[in-house]
């Protein structure tokens, strides 16, 4: 077994075993502060871990943050990307512990990116494009094996990027589903088309088992706090193209730089 596979299994098992930590962790209790669009508030709140009351998740906040992700030149603002992901984490947490093995890992990755944003080299992490250029130019990325830079911005964001594809596919299935559709099947199909190919067998097996405990379609729609099922479908129709575009811009950037398979 290769070192990278051993690390993958170890990380995955730790995530599964510690899945409930996200419910009580300091970061998890503070993620809602990032939903606001103030850059200064974002940096202060996340740097200082300011505790705030956790309002209900709404799909609108994810829509708003992903709207802000892309510049006129189609560069991805890392700050807003992180904010969008925090909204998605809140969505997963609203559904209970079923998604916590993925949500916890996402929170860990988000914290690494926040550390880069607030670090002494934060000016190089304004956009995903500037981050990739800075880290590659300065040889701050492990390109062939996991070693010196396991928390590089490029590697960290790639893991979120892969998970974003899974959520996008799942939410699209929800959008086009009927009352009789099984969320467990939709989620499993989306996972098998995306994130599963990057997980070891034991993680795939655990994920497949977890998905069978998913609540029904009506519960998902209620958690989004948009309104009627028709209004949820409309909102998803607005949000998913934005998420898809951010995903594709990032995918193309990583492909151009040959870093889609970072260990």
C-alpha atoms as a PDB file:
ATOM      1  CA  UNK A   1       0.000   0.000   0.000  1.00  0.00           C
ATOM      2  CA  UNK A   2       1.386   3.434  -0.945  1.00  0.00           C
ATOM      3  CA  UNK A   3       2.034   6.173   1.570  1.00  0.00           C
ATOM      4  CA  UNK A   4      -0.614   8.380  -0.025  1.00  0.00           C
ATOM      5  CA  UNK A   5      -3.244   5.632   0.295  1.00  0.00           C
ATOM      6  CA  UNK A   6      -2.280   4.996   3.902  1.00  0.00           C
ATOM      7  CA  UNK A   7      -2.648   8.694   4.655  1.00  0.00           C
ATOM      8  CA  UNK A   8      -6.000   8.785   2.861  1.00  0.00           C
ATOM      9  CA  UNK A   9      -7.356   5.864   4.890  1.00  0.00           C
ATOM     10  CA  UNK A  10      -5.980   7.272   8.146  1.00  0.00           C
ATOM     11  CA  UNK A  11      -7.493  10.695   7.485  1.00  0.00           C
ATOM     12  CA  UNK A  12     -10.805   9.172   6.464  1.00  0.00           C
ATOM     13  CA  UNK A  13     -11.032   6.941   9.520  1.00  0.00           C
ATOM     14  CA  UNK A  14     -10.190   9.820  11.834  1.00  0.00           C
ATOM     15  CA  UNK A  15     -12.903  11.849  10.175  1.00  0.00           C
ATOM     16  CA  UNK A  16     -15.458   9.084  10.609  1.00  0.00           C
ATOM     17  CA  UNK A  17     -14.534   8.377  14.218  1.00  0.00           C
ATOM     18  CA  UNK A  18     -14.556  12.048  15.153  1.00  0.00           C
ATOM     19  CA  UNK A  19     -17.612  12.982  13.090  1.00  0.00           C
ATOM     20  CA  UNK A  20     -19.556  14.316  16.054  1.00  0.00           C
ATOM     21  CA  UNK A  21     -16.832  16.787  16.955  1.00  0.00           C
ATOM     22  CA  UNK A  22     -18.176  19.260  14.423  1.00  0.00           C
ATOM     23  CA  UNK A  23     -21.297  19.732  16.504  1.00  0.00           C
ATOM     24  CA  UNK A  24     -19.310  21.072  19.443  1.00  0.00           C
ATOM     25  CA  UNK A  25     -16.125  22.439  17.892  1.00  0.00           C
ATOM     26  CA  UNK A  26     -15.320  26.127  18.180  1.00  0.00           C
ATOM     27  CA  UNK A  27     -15.185  26.687  14.449  1.00  0.00           C
ATOM     28  CA  UNK A  28     -18.499  24.968  13.844  1.00  0.00           C
ATOM     29  CA  UNK A  29     -20.182  27.282  16.339  1.00  0.00           C
ATOM     30  CA  UNK A  30     -18.826  30.334  14.564  1.00  0.00           C
ATOM     31  CA  UNK A  31     -19.194  29.586  10.863  1.00  0.00           C
ATOM     32  CA  UNK A  32     -22.373  31.595  10.432  1.00  0.00           C
ATOM     33  CA  UNK A  33     -20.465  34.846  10.952  1.00  0.00           C
ATOM     34  CA  UNK A  34     -18.992  34.453   7.484  1.00  0.00           C
ATOM     35  CA  UNK A  35     -22.283  34.567   5.644  1.00  0.00           C
ATOM     36  CA  UNK A  36     -22.157  38.354   5.672  1.00  0.00           C
ATOM     37  CA  UNK A  37     -20.395  40.063   2.798  1.00  0.00           C
ATOM     38  CA  UNK A  38     -18.157  42.402   4.814  1.00  0.00           C
ATOM     39  CA  UNK A  39     -14.538  41.443   4.167  1.00  0.00           C
ATOM     40  CA  UNK A  40     -13.363  43.031   7.386  1.00  0.00           C
ATOM     41  CA  UNK A  41     -16.013  41.252   9.431  1.00  0.00           C
ATOM     42  CA  UNK A  42     -15.081  37.974   7.779  1.00  0.00           C
ATOM     43  CA  UNK A  43     -11.417  38.248   8.672  1.00  0.00           C
ATOM     44  CA  UNK A  44     -11.939  39.455  12.234  1.00  0.00           C
ATOM     45  CA  UNK A  45     -14.650  36.932  13.052  1.00  0.00           C
ATOM     46  CA  UNK A  46     -12.737  33.945  11.736  1.00  0.00           C
ATOM     47  CA  UNK A  47      -9.360  35.018  13.080  1.00  0.00           C
ATOM     48  CA  UNK A  48     -10.670  35.570  16.583  1.00  0.00           C
ATOM     49  CA  UNK A  49     -13.301  32.780  16.609  1.00  0.00           C
ATOM     50  CA  UNK A  50     -16.015  35.131  17.792  1.00  0.00           C
ATOM     51  CA  UNK A  51     -19.012  33.188  19.052  1.00  0.00           C
ATOM     52  CA  UNK A  52     -22.302  34.278  17.530  1.00  0.00           C
ATOM     53  CA  UNK A  53     -25.861  33.054  17.655  1.00  0.00           C
ATOM     54  CA  UNK A  54     -26.494  30.525  14.900  1.00  0.00           C
ATOM     55  CA  UNK A  55     -29.488  31.590  12.804  1.00  0.00           C
ATOM     56  CA  UNK A  56     -31.225  29.071  10.601  1.00  0.00           C
ATOM     57  CA  UNK A  57     -29.561  28.116   7.367  1.00  0.00           C
ATOM     58  CA  UNK A  58     -31.143  29.482   4.218  1.00  0.00           C
ATOM     59  CA  UNK A  59     -30.293  28.527   0.666  1.00  0.00           C
ATOM     60  CA  UNK A  60     -30.329  32.240  -0.167  1.00  0.00           C
ATOM     61  CA  UNK A  61     -27.073  32.821   1.725  1.00  0.00           C
ATOM     62  CA  UNK A  62     -25.288  30.226  -0.401  1.00  0.00           C
ATOM     63  CA  UNK A  63     -26.712  31.818  -3.537  1.00  0.00           C
ATOM     64  CA  UNK A  64     -25.508  35.259  -2.421  1.00  0.00           C
ATOM     65  CA  UNK A  65     -21.966  34.145  -1.612  1.00  0.00           C
ATOM     66  CA  UNK A  66     -21.467  32.193  -4.827  1.00  0.00           C
ATOM     67  CA  UNK A  67     -22.776  35.188  -6.753  1.00  0.00           C
ATOM     68  CA  UNK A  68     -19.836  37.113  -5.273  1.00  0.00           C
ATOM     69  CA  UNK A  69     -17.233  34.436  -6.016  1.00  0.00           C
ATOM     70  CA  UNK A  70     -16.334  35.383  -9.565  1.00  0.00           C
ATOM     71  CA  UNK A  71     -14.697  38.606 -10.669  1.00  0.00           C
ATOM     72  CA  UNK A  72     -15.399  40.202 -14.041  1.00  0.00           C
ATOM     73  CA  UNK A  73     -12.349  38.326 -15.340  1.00  0.00           C
ATOM     74  CA  UNK A  74     -13.698  35.030 -13.977  1.00  0.00           C
ATOM     75  CA  UNK A  75     -11.206  34.840 -11.130  1.00  0.00           C
ATOM     76  CA  UNK A  76     -12.462  33.076  -8.009  1.00  0.00           C
ATOM     77  CA  UNK A  77     -12.271  35.154  -4.845  1.00  0.00           C
ATOM     78  CA  UNK A  78     -11.038  32.770  -2.179  1.00  0.00           C
ATOM     79  CA  UNK A  79     -12.766  34.653   0.622  1.00  0.00           C
ATOM     80  CA  UNK A  80     -16.190  34.257  -0.960  1.00  0.00           C
ATOM     81  CA  UNK A  81     -15.461  30.671  -1.933  1.00  0.00           C
ATOM     82  CA  UNK A  82     -14.818  29.928   1.732  1.00  0.00           C
ATOM     83  CA  UNK A  83     -17.962  31.811   2.738  1.00  0.00           C
ATOM     84  CA  UNK A  84     -20.006  29.777   0.269  1.00  0.00           C
ATOM     85  CA  UNK A  85     -18.575  26.576   1.663  1.00  0.00           C
ATOM     86  CA  UNK A  86     -19.411  27.605   5.197  1.00  0.00           C
ATOM     87  CA  UNK A  87     -23.013  27.981   4.086  1.00  0.00           C
ATOM     88  CA  UNK A  88     -22.917  24.477   2.623  1.00  0.00           C
ATOM     89  CA  UNK A  89     -21.488  23.143   5.896  1.00  0.00           C
ATOM     90  CA  UNK A  90     -24.371  24.720   7.765  1.00  0.00           C
ATOM     91  CA  UNK A  91     -26.749  23.046   5.350  1.00  0.00           C
ATOM     92  CA  UNK A  92     -25.180  19.649   6.013  1.00  0.00           C
ATOM     93  CA  UNK A  93     -25.146  20.216   9.767  1.00  0.00           C
ATOM     94  CA  UNK A  94     -28.848  21.099   9.668  1.00  0.00           C
ATOM     95  CA  UNK A  95     -29.535  17.536   8.550  1.00  0.00           C
ATOM     96  CA  UNK A  96     -27.985  16.017  11.658  1.00  0.00           C
ATOM     97  CA  UNK A  97     -25.047  13.637  11.901  1.00  0.00           C
ATOM     98  CA  UNK A  98     -25.536  11.862   8.563  1.00  0.00           C
ATOM     99  CA  UNK A  99     -23.287  14.271   6.665  1.00  0.00           C
ATOM    100  CA  UNK A 100     -20.977  15.042   9.569  1.00  0.00           C
ATOM    101  CA  UNK A 101     -18.142  12.818   8.330  1.00  0.00           C
ATOM    102  CA  UNK A 102     -17.918  15.042   5.247  1.00  0.00           C
ATOM    103  CA  UNK A 103     -18.816  18.304   6.996  1.00  0.00           C
ATOM    104  CA  UNK A 104     -16.086  17.890   9.590  1.00  0.00           C
ATOM    105  CA  UNK A 105     -13.466  17.330   6.919  1.00  0.00           C
ATOM    106  CA  UNK A 106     -14.749  20.397   5.044  1.00  0.00           C
ATOM    107  CA  UNK A 107     -14.452  22.526   8.197  1.00  0.00           C
ATOM    108  CA  UNK A 108     -10.847  21.383   8.671  1.00  0.00           C
ATOM    109  CA  UNK A 109     -10.041  22.377   5.098  1.00  0.00           C
ATOM    110  CA  UNK A 110     -11.860  25.698   5.456  1.00  0.00           C
ATOM    111  CA  UNK A 111      -9.807  26.525   8.539  1.00  0.00           C
ATOM    112  CA  UNK A 112      -6.566  25.903   6.631  1.00  0.00           C
ATOM    113  CA  UNK A 113      -7.655  28.295   3.881  1.00  0.00           C
ATOM    114  CA  UNK A 114      -8.691  30.898   6.453  1.00  0.00           C
ATOM    115  CA  UNK A 115      -5.231  30.608   7.997  1.00  0.00           C
ATOM    116  CA  UNK A 116      -3.702  31.317   4.595  1.00  0.00           C
ATOM    117  CA  UNK A 117      -6.018  34.287   4.044  1.00  0.00           C
ATOM    118  CA  UNK A 118      -5.122  35.759   7.422  1.00  0.00           C
ATOM    119  CA  UNK A 119      -1.420  34.856   7.276  1.00  0.00           C
ATOM    120  CA  UNK A 120       1.541  37.019   6.408  1.00  0.00           C
ATOM    121  CA  UNK A 121       1.258  35.965   2.763  1.00  0.00           C
ATOM    122  CA  UNK A 122      -2.480  36.596   2.613  1.00  0.00           C
ATOM    123  CA  UNK A 123      -2.094  39.023  -0.285  1.00  0.00           C
ATOM    124  CA  UNK A 124      -1.220  36.051  -2.495  1.00  0.00           C
ATOM    125  CA  UNK A 125      -4.445  34.274  -1.550  1.00  0.00           C
ATOM    126  CA  UNK A 126      -6.967  36.861  -2.714  1.00  0.00           C
ATOM    127  CA  UNK A 127      -8.063  34.679  -5.610  1.00  0.00           C
ATOM    128  CA  UNK A 128      -7.666  30.998  -6.361  1.00  0.00           C
ATOM    129  CA  UNK A 129      -5.682  32.017  -9.434  1.00  0.00           C
ATOM    130  CA  UNK A 130      -3.199  34.092  -7.426  1.00  0.00           C
ATOM    131  CA  UNK A 131      -2.907  31.326  -4.837  1.00  0.00           C
ATOM    132  CA  UNK A 132      -2.075  28.697  -7.451  1.00  0.00           C
ATOM    133  CA  UNK A 133       0.523  30.932  -9.105  1.00  0.00           C
ATOM    134  CA  UNK A 134       2.159  31.898  -5.815  1.00  0.00           C
ATOM    135  CA  UNK A 135       2.395  28.364  -4.451  1.00  0.00           C
ATOM    136  CA  UNK A 136       3.608  26.820  -7.706  1.00  0.00           C
ATOM    137  CA  UNK A 137       6.134  29.594  -8.358  1.00  0.00           C
ATOM    138  CA  UNK A 138       7.539  29.161  -4.846  1.00  0.00           C
ATOM    139  CA  UNK A 139       7.413  25.353  -4.839  1.00  0.00           C
ATOM    140  CA  UNK A 140       4.981  25.239  -1.933  1.00  0.00           C
ATOM    141  CA  UNK A 141       2.967  22.306  -3.304  1.00  0.00           C
ATOM    142  CA  UNK A 142       3.650  18.571  -3.055  1.00  0.00           C
ATOM    143  CA  UNK A 143       3.202  17.554  -6.687  1.00  0.00           C
ATOM    144  CA  UNK A 144       4.056  13.848  -6.648  1.00  0.00           C
ATOM    145  CA  UNK A 145       3.839  12.651  -3.052  1.00  0.00           C
ATOM    146  CA  UNK A 146       2.462  13.982   0.187  1.00  0.00           C
ATOM    147  CA  UNK A 147       5.343  15.349   2.236  1.00  0.00           C
ATOM    148  CA  UNK A 148       6.465  18.875   3.029  1.00  0.00           C
ATOM    149  CA  UNK A 149       3.281  20.831   2.275  1.00  0.00           C
ATOM    150  CA  UNK A 150       0.205  18.783   3.317  1.00  0.00           C
ATOM    151  CA  UNK A 151      -1.665  22.023   4.089  1.00  0.00           C
ATOM    152  CA  UNK A 152      -0.852  23.922   0.915  1.00  0.00           C
ATOM    153  CA  UNK A 153      -3.704  26.052  -0.347  1.00  0.00           C
ATOM    154  CA  UNK A 154      -3.735  24.197  -3.666  1.00  0.00           C
ATOM    155  CA  UNK A 155      -4.100  20.764  -2.077  1.00  0.00           C
ATOM    156  CA  UNK A 156      -6.608  21.949   0.497  1.00  0.00           C
ATOM    157  CA  UNK A 157      -8.880  23.678  -1.986  1.00  0.00           C
ATOM    158  CA  UNK A 158      -8.730  20.672  -4.316  1.00  0.00           C
ATOM    159  CA  UNK A 159     -10.393  18.545  -1.630  1.00  0.00           C
ATOM    160  CA  UNK A 160     -13.200  21.084  -1.247  1.00  0.00           C
ATOM    161  CA  UNK A 161     -13.441  21.361  -5.020  1.00  0.00           C
ATOM    162  CA  UNK A 162     -14.077  17.633  -5.326  1.00  0.00           C
ATOM    163  CA  UNK A 163     -16.713  17.714  -2.603  1.00  0.00           C
ATOM    164  CA  UNK A 164     -18.382  20.704  -4.260  1.00  0.00           C
ATOM    165  CA  UNK A 165     -18.966  18.616  -7.367  1.00  0.00           C
ATOM    166  CA  UNK A 166     -20.689  15.953  -5.272  1.00  0.00           C
ATOM    167  CA  UNK A 167     -22.977  18.514  -3.615  1.00  0.00           C
ATOM    168  CA  UNK A 168     -23.738  20.127  -6.955  1.00  0.00           C
ATOM    169  CA  UNK A 169     -24.773  16.786  -8.464  1.00  0.00           C
ATOM    170  CA  UNK A 170     -26.843  15.876  -5.428  1.00  0.00           C
ATOM    171  CA  UNK A 171     -28.652  19.221  -5.282  1.00  0.00           C
ATOM    172  CA  UNK A 172     -29.399  18.992  -9.001  1.00  0.00           C
ATOM    173  CA  UNK A 173     -31.007  15.615  -8.412  1.00  0.00           C
ATOM    174  CA  UNK A 174     -33.052  17.129  -5.597  1.00  0.00           C
ATOM    175  CA  UNK A 175     -34.150  19.942  -7.908  1.00  0.00           C
ATOM    176  CA  UNK A 176     -35.465  17.563 -10.526  1.00  0.00           C
ATOM    177  CA  UNK A 177     -36.818  14.946  -8.094  1.00  0.00           C
ATOM    178  CA  UNK A 178     -40.405  14.051  -7.243  1.00  0.00           C
ATOM    179  CA  UNK A 179     -42.034  13.393  -3.887  1.00  0.00           C
ATOM    180  CA  UNK A 180     -41.428   9.682  -4.375  1.00  0.00           C
ATOM    181  CA  UNK A 181     -37.712  10.055  -5.117  1.00  0.00           C
ATOM    182  CA  UNK A 182     -35.328   8.532  -2.569  1.00  0.00           C
ATOM    183  CA  UNK A 183     -32.706  10.951  -1.274  1.00  0.00           C
ATOM    184  CA  UNK A 184     -30.439   8.052  -0.308  1.00  0.00           C
ATOM    185  CA  UNK A 185     -30.291   6.886  -3.909  1.00  0.00           C
ATOM    186  CA  UNK A 186     -29.793  10.394  -5.283  1.00  0.00           C
ATOM    187  CA  UNK A 187     -26.981  11.092  -2.842  1.00  0.00           C
ATOM    188  CA  UNK A 188     -25.274   7.762  -3.512  1.00  0.00           C
ATOM    189  CA  UNK A 189     -25.419   8.288  -7.260  1.00  0.00           C
ATOM    190  CA  UNK A 190     -23.941  11.777  -6.945  1.00  0.00           C
ATOM    191  CA  UNK A 191     -21.214  10.477  -4.634  1.00  0.00           C
ATOM    192  CA  UNK A 192     -20.342   7.597  -6.958  1.00  0.00           C
ATOM    193  CA  UNK A 193     -20.033  10.008  -9.896  1.00  0.00           C
ATOM    194  CA  UNK A 194     -17.685  12.352  -8.078  1.00  0.00           C
ATOM    195  CA  UNK A 195     -16.164  12.130  -4.630  1.00  0.00           C
ATOM    196  CA  UNK A 196     -16.014   8.356  -4.273  1.00  0.00           C
ATOM    197  CA  UNK A 197     -13.237   7.975  -6.840  1.00  0.00           C
ATOM    198  CA  UNK A 198     -10.937   9.911  -4.496  1.00  0.00           C
ATOM    199  CA  UNK A 199     -11.754   7.842  -1.384  1.00  0.00           C
ATOM    200  CA  UNK A 200     -10.373   4.514  -0.213  1.00  0.00           C
ATOM    201  CA  UNK A 201     -12.717   1.530  -0.206  1.00  0.00           C
ATOM    202  CA  UNK A 202     -13.361   1.663   3.527  1.00  0.00           C
ATOM    203  CA  UNK A 203     -14.453   5.307   3.292  1.00  0.00           C
ATOM    204  CA  UNK A 204     -16.717   4.593   0.316  1.00  0.00           C
ATOM    205  CA  UNK A 205     -18.319   1.748   2.231  1.00  0.00           C
ATOM    206  CA  UNK A 206     -18.944   3.920   5.293  1.00  0.00           C
ATOM    207  CA  UNK A 207     -20.344   6.738   3.170  1.00  0.00           C
ATOM    208  CA  UNK A 208     -22.724   4.408   1.354  1.00  0.00           C
ATOM    209  CA  UNK A 209     -24.026   3.132   4.665  1.00  0.00           C
ATOM    210  CA  UNK A 210     -24.478   6.648   6.029  1.00  0.00           C
ATOM    211  CA  UNK A 211     -26.493   7.787   3.017  1.00  0.00           C
ATOM    212  CA  UNK A 212     -29.187   5.211   3.706  1.00  0.00           C
ATOM    213  CA  UNK A 213     -30.044   7.148   6.872  1.00  0.00           C
ATOM    214  CA  UNK A 214     -30.795  10.366   4.969  1.00  0.00           C
ATOM    215  CA  UNK A 215     -34.145  12.039   5.651  1.00  0.00           C
ATOM    216  CA  UNK A 216     -36.731  12.350   2.902  1.00  0.00           C
ATOM    217  CA  UNK A 217     -36.995  14.993   0.205  1.00  0.00           C
ATOM    218  CA  UNK A 218     -39.455  17.072   2.229  1.00  0.00           C
ATOM    219  CA  UNK A 219     -36.964  17.387   5.096  1.00  0.00           C
ATOM    220  CA  UNK A 220     -34.243  18.630   2.748  1.00  0.00           C
ATOM    221  CA  UNK A 221     -36.606  21.226   1.333  1.00  0.00           C
ATOM    222  CA  UNK A 222     -37.656  22.359   4.818  1.00  0.00           C
ATOM    223  CA  UNK A 223     -34.029  22.754   5.920  1.00  0.00           C
ATOM    224  CA  UNK A 224     -33.343  25.112   3.019  1.00  0.00           C
ATOM    225  CA  UNK A 225     -35.815  27.614   4.536  1.00  0.00           C
ATOM    226  CA  UNK A 226     -36.894  29.012   1.196  1.00  0.00           C
ATOM    227  CA  UNK A 227     -40.638  28.377   1.229  1.00  0.00           C
ATOM    228  CA  UNK A 228     -42.800  25.973  -0.707  1.00  0.00           C
ATOM    229  CA  UNK A 229     -41.303  23.061  -2.657  1.00  0.00           C
ATOM    230  CA  UNK A 230     -41.900  25.065  -5.827  1.00  0.00           C
ATOM    231  CA  UNK A 231     -39.923  27.977  -4.395  1.00  0.00           C
ATOM    232  CA  UNK A 232     -37.091  25.637  -3.388  1.00  0.00           C
ATOM    233  CA  UNK A 233     -36.917  24.232  -6.901  1.00  0.00           C
ATOM    234  CA  UNK A 234     -36.785  27.760  -8.331  1.00  0.00           C
ATOM    235  CA  UNK A 235     -34.054  28.801  -5.894  1.00  0.00           C
ATOM    236  CA  UNK A 236     -31.994  25.714  -6.709  1.00  0.00           C
ATOM    237  CA  UNK A 237     -32.406  26.569 -10.365  1.00  0.00           C
ATOM    238  CA  UNK A 238     -30.838  29.960  -9.628  1.00  0.00           C
ATOM    239  CA  UNK A 239     -28.096  28.727  -7.299  1.00  0.00           C
ATOM    240  CA  UNK A 240     -26.774  25.654  -9.085  1.00  0.00           C
ATOM    241  CA  UNK A 241     -25.563  27.389 -12.276  1.00  0.00           C
ATOM    242  CA  UNK A 242     -23.524  29.757 -10.089  1.00  0.00           C
ATOM    243  CA  UNK A 243     -21.986  26.882  -8.140  1.00  0.00           C
ATOM    244  CA  UNK A 244     -21.379  25.023 -11.399  1.00  0.00           C
ATOM    245  CA  UNK A 245     -19.559  27.977 -12.958  1.00  0.00           C
ATOM    246  CA  UNK A 246     -17.294  28.417  -9.931  1.00  0.00           C
ATOM    247  CA  UNK A 247     -16.563  24.705 -10.032  1.00  0.00           C
ATOM    248  CA  UNK A 248     -15.752  24.741 -13.755  1.00  0.00           C
ATOM    249  CA  UNK A 249     -13.470  27.781 -13.547  1.00  0.00           C
ATOM    250  CA  UNK A 250     -11.539  26.083 -10.749  1.00  0.00           C
ATOM    251  CA  UNK A 251     -11.472  22.757 -12.618  1.00  0.00           C
ATOM    252  CA  UNK A 252     -10.050  24.427 -15.731  1.00  0.00           C
ATOM    253  CA  UNK A 253      -7.412  26.295 -13.714  1.00  0.00           C
ATOM    254  CA  UNK A 254      -6.222  23.132 -11.992  1.00  0.00           C
ATOM    255  CA  UNK A 255      -6.206  21.219 -15.270  1.00  0.00           C
ATOM    256  CA  UNK A 256      -4.131  23.914 -16.967  1.00  0.00           C
ATOM    257  CA  UNK A 257      -1.575  23.688 -14.173  1.00  0.00           C
ATOM    258  CA  UNK A 258      -1.626  19.865 -14.012  1.00  0.00           C
ATOM    259  CA  UNK A 259      -2.611  19.801 -10.333  1.00  0.00           C
ATOM    260  CA  UNK A 260      -5.925  17.937 -10.412  1.00  0.00           C
ATOM    261  CA  UNK A 261      -4.309  14.879  -8.829  1.00  0.00           C
ATOM    262  CA  UNK A 262      -2.309  16.360  -5.964  1.00  0.00           C
ATOM    263  CA  UNK A 263      -1.506  13.689  -3.349  1.00  0.00           C
END
